[in-house]
Amino acid sequence: MFSLIFSVMTNCNGSAYRKIGPFWGNIMTTLRLSLGDFDFSVLDDETLGTPQHALFWITWVVMVNFSLLIFLNFIIAEVSNSYSKVRERIDAQIYKERAKLISEAEDVIGESAK
């Protein structure tokens, strides 16, 4: 969606994407923008001060916030998954550590009785 919006507002005539066409070039440019590669060479000096320029920045802010929301949601999901795995294994680990401590205590008591 953002790629189509950017293709309407600006022409992506970058040499980096000349072999894949303007449609896929805009998709790649949008992907790079969403990942933090803020290359604003698509804006020309001729669009400065026009409604198109303001629309570009509004769309850019919305796209960055949308991408941020998606990436943060992914990070929260991964952290929750890791926490649930640890939570499943915590009881077994506690019993294992208690058994080690009891064994060490019995070894110490057994040596002192000799």
C-alpha atoms as a PDB file:
ATOM      1  CA  MET A   1       0.000   0.000   0.000  1.00  0.00           C
ATOM      2  CA  PHE A   2       2.735   2.437   0.937  1.00  0.00           C
ATOM      3  CA  SER A   3       4.656   1.512  -2.176  1.00  0.00           C
ATOM      4  CA  LEU A   4       1.700   2.426  -4.351  1.00  0.00           C
ATOM      5  CA  ILE A   5       1.228   5.702  -2.489  1.00  0.00           C
ATOM      6  CA  PHE A   6       4.895   6.590  -2.969  1.00  0.00           C
ATOM      7  CA  SER A   7       4.735   5.650  -6.665  1.00  0.00           C
ATOM      8  CA  VAL A   8       1.851   8.076  -7.153  1.00  0.00           C
ATOM      9  CA  MET A   9       3.631  10.904  -5.327  1.00  0.00           C
ATOM     10  CA  THR A  10       7.167  10.466  -6.677  1.00  0.00           C
ATOM     11  CA  ASN A  11       8.861   8.615  -9.488  1.00  0.00           C
ATOM     12  CA  CYS A  12      11.485   6.155  -8.322  1.00  0.00           C
ATOM     13  CA  ASN A  13      13.983   6.497 -11.131  1.00  0.00           C
ATOM     14  CA  GLY A  14      16.910   5.268  -9.078  1.00  0.00           C
ATOM     15  CA  SER A  15      19.653   3.406 -10.877  1.00  0.00           C
ATOM     16  CA  ALA A  16      19.672   0.733  -8.179  1.00  0.00           C
ATOM     17  CA  TYR A  17      16.351  -0.718  -9.355  1.00  0.00           C
ATOM     18  CA  ARG A  18      16.368  -0.060 -13.091  1.00  0.00           C
ATOM     19  CA  LYS A  19      16.477  -3.793 -13.946  1.00  0.00           C
ATOM     20  CA  ILE A  20      13.424  -4.784 -11.913  1.00  0.00           C
ATOM     21  CA  GLY A  21      11.054  -2.061 -13.036  1.00  0.00           C
ATOM     22  CA  PRO A  22       9.398   0.904 -11.336  1.00  0.00           C
ATOM     23  CA  PHE A  23       6.744  -1.132  -9.479  1.00  0.00           C
ATOM     24  CA  TRP A  24       9.217  -3.457  -7.762  1.00  0.00           C
ATOM     25  CA  GLY A  25      11.629  -0.549  -7.373  1.00  0.00           C
ATOM     26  CA  ASN A  26       9.019   1.294  -5.317  1.00  0.00           C
ATOM     27  CA  ILE A  27       8.381  -1.816  -3.234  1.00  0.00           C
ATOM     28  CA  MET A  28      12.107  -2.174  -2.537  1.00  0.00           C
ATOM     29  CA  THR A  29      12.403   1.531  -1.713  1.00  0.00           C
ATOM     30  CA  THR A  30       9.478   1.247   0.713  1.00  0.00           C
ATOM     31  CA  LEU A  31      11.038  -1.839   2.308  1.00  0.00           C
ATOM     32  CA  ARG A  32      14.330   0.004   2.749  1.00  0.00           C
ATOM     33  CA  LEU A  33      12.505   2.980   4.268  1.00  0.00           C
ATOM     34  CA  SER A  34      10.638   0.719   6.692  1.00  0.00           C
ATOM     35  CA  LEU A  35      13.919  -0.899   7.789  1.00  0.00           C
ATOM     36  CA  GLY A  36      15.534   2.451   8.521  1.00  0.00           C
ATOM     37  CA  ASP A  37      17.442   3.266   5.332  1.00  0.00           C
ATOM     38  CA  PHE A  38      16.118   6.793   5.025  1.00  0.00           C
ATOM     39  CA  ASP A  39      17.233   7.727   1.512  1.00  0.00           C
ATOM     40  CA  PHE A  40      15.217  10.775   0.552  1.00  0.00           C
ATOM     41  CA  SER A  41      16.667  11.128  -2.923  1.00  0.00           C
ATOM     42  CA  VAL A  42      13.189  10.460  -4.328  1.00  0.00           C
ATOM     43  CA  LEU A  43      12.300  14.016  -3.320  1.00  0.00           C
ATOM     44  CA  ASP A  44      13.366  16.641  -5.801  1.00  0.00           C
ATOM     45  CA  ASP A  45      13.805  20.343  -5.187  1.00  0.00           C
ATOM     46  CA  GLU A  46      10.858  20.981  -7.488  1.00  0.00           C
ATOM     47  CA  THR A  47       8.421  19.348  -5.029  1.00  0.00           C
ATOM     48  CA  LEU A  48       9.597  21.468  -2.105  1.00  0.00           C
ATOM     49  CA  GLY A  49       6.751  23.564  -0.736  1.00  0.00           C
ATOM     50  CA  THR A  50       4.024  21.775  -2.698  1.00  0.00           C
ATOM     51  CA  PRO A  51       1.145  19.781  -1.214  1.00  0.00           C
ATOM     52  CA  GLN A  52       2.807  16.708  -2.694  1.00  0.00           C
ATOM     53  CA  HIS A  53       5.853  17.330  -0.496  1.00  0.00           C
ATOM     54  CA  ALA A  54       3.728  17.566   2.661  1.00  0.00           C
ATOM     55  CA  LEU A  55       1.804  14.440   1.634  1.00  0.00           C
ATOM     56  CA  PHE A  56       5.081  12.562   1.212  1.00  0.00           C
ATOM     57  CA  TRP A  57       6.142  13.398   4.757  1.00  0.00           C
ATOM     58  CA  ILE A  58       2.762  12.511   6.220  1.00  0.00           C
ATOM     59  CA  THR A  59       2.829   9.175   4.404  1.00  0.00           C
ATOM     60  CA  TRP A  60       6.417   8.599   5.506  1.00  0.00           C
ATOM     61  CA  VAL A  61       5.573   9.207   9.181  1.00  0.00           C
ATOM     62  CA  VAL A  62       2.574   6.865   8.982  1.00  0.00           C
ATOM     63  CA  MET A  63       4.670   4.192   7.259  1.00  0.00           C
ATOM     64  CA  VAL A  64       7.495   4.395   9.802  1.00  0.00           C
ATOM     65  CA  ASN A  65       5.056   4.180  12.705  1.00  0.00           C
ATOM     66  CA  PHE A  66       3.256   1.245  11.079  1.00  0.00           C
ATOM     67  CA  SER A  67       6.569  -0.573  10.544  1.00  0.00           C
ATOM     68  CA  LEU A  68       7.578   0.174  14.119  1.00  0.00           C
ATOM     69  CA  LEU A  69       4.325  -1.311  15.359  1.00  0.00           C
ATOM     70  CA  ILE A  70       4.866  -4.498  13.351  1.00  0.00           C
ATOM     71  CA  PHE A  71       8.494  -4.941  14.458  1.00  0.00           C
ATOM     72  CA  LEU A  72       7.730  -4.244  18.122  1.00  0.00           C
ATOM     73  CA  ASN A  73       4.854  -6.710  17.985  1.00  0.00           C
ATOM     74  CA  PHE A  74       7.257  -9.329  16.632  1.00  0.00           C
ATOM     75  CA  ILE A  75       9.770  -8.628  19.404  1.00  0.00           C
ATOM     76  CA  ILE A  76       7.094  -8.871  22.102  1.00  0.00           C
ATOM     77  CA  ALA A  77       5.892 -12.185  20.655  1.00  0.00           C
ATOM     78  CA  GLU A  78       9.415 -13.622  20.688  1.00  0.00           C
ATOM     79  CA  VAL A  79      10.049 -12.482  24.269  1.00  0.00           C
ATOM     80  CA  SER A  80       6.743 -13.964  25.390  1.00  0.00           C
ATOM     81  CA  ASN A  81       7.589 -17.241  23.692  1.00  0.00           C
ATOM     82  CA  SER A  82      10.993 -17.385  25.389  1.00  0.00           C
ATOM     83  CA  TYR A  83       9.427 -16.565  28.765  1.00  0.00           C
ATOM     84  CA  SER A  84       6.871 -19.369  28.390  1.00  0.00           C
ATOM     85  CA  LYS A  85       9.617 -21.872  27.551  1.00  0.00           C
ATOM     86  CA  VAL A  86      11.592 -20.856  30.633  1.00  0.00           C
ATOM     87  CA  ARG A  87       8.450 -20.924  32.771  1.00  0.00           C
ATOM     88  CA  GLU A  88       7.720 -24.518  31.671  1.00  0.00           C
ATOM     89  CA  ARG A  89      11.172 -25.718  32.714  1.00  0.00           C
ATOM     90  CA  ILE A  90      11.591 -23.741  35.928  1.00  0.00           C
ATOM     91  CA  ASP A  91      10.017 -26.320  38.288  1.00  0.00           C
ATOM     92  CA  ALA A  92      12.241 -29.141  37.031  1.00  0.00           C
ATOM     93  CA  GLN A  93      15.306 -26.913  37.353  1.00  0.00           C
ATOM     94  CA  ILE A  94      14.378 -25.929  40.930  1.00  0.00           C
ATOM     95  CA  TYR A  95      14.002 -29.584  41.972  1.00  0.00           C
ATOM     96  CA  LYS A  96      17.308 -30.447  40.321  1.00  0.00           C
ATOM     97  CA  GLU A  97      19.136 -27.667  42.184  1.00  0.00           C
ATOM     98  CA  ARG A  98      17.511 -28.685  45.492  1.00  0.00           C
ATOM     99  CA  ALA A  99      18.625 -32.271  44.942  1.00  0.00           C
ATOM    100  CA  LYS A 100      22.207 -31.098  44.328  1.00  0.00           C
ATOM    101  CA  LEU A 101      22.157 -29.009  47.497  1.00  0.00           C
ATOM    102  CA  ILE A 102      20.776 -31.907  49.564  1.00  0.00           C
ATOM    103  CA  SER A 103      23.434 -34.217  48.129  1.00  0.00           C
ATOM    104  CA  GLU A 104      26.198 -31.753  48.977  1.00  0.00           C
ATOM    105  CA  ALA A 105      24.812 -31.263  52.490  1.00  0.00           C
ATOM    106  CA  GLU A 106      24.702 -35.034  53.067  1.00  0.00           C
ATOM    107  CA  ASP A 107      28.292 -35.346  51.803  1.00  0.00           C
ATOM    108  CA  VAL A 108      29.438 -32.650  54.232  1.00  0.00           C
ATOM    109  CA  ILE A 109      27.566 -34.222  57.147  1.00  0.00           C
ATOM    110  CA  GLY A 110      28.897 -37.680  56.237  1.00  0.00           C
ATOM    111  CA  GLU A 111      32.513 -36.461  56.170  1.00  0.00           C
ATOM    112  CA  SER A 112      32.201 -34.681  59.499  1.00  0.00           C
ATOM    113  CA  ALA A 113      30.804 -37.847  61.165  1.00  0.00           C
ATOM    114  CA  LYS A 114      33.890 -39.865  60.229  1.00  0.00           C
END
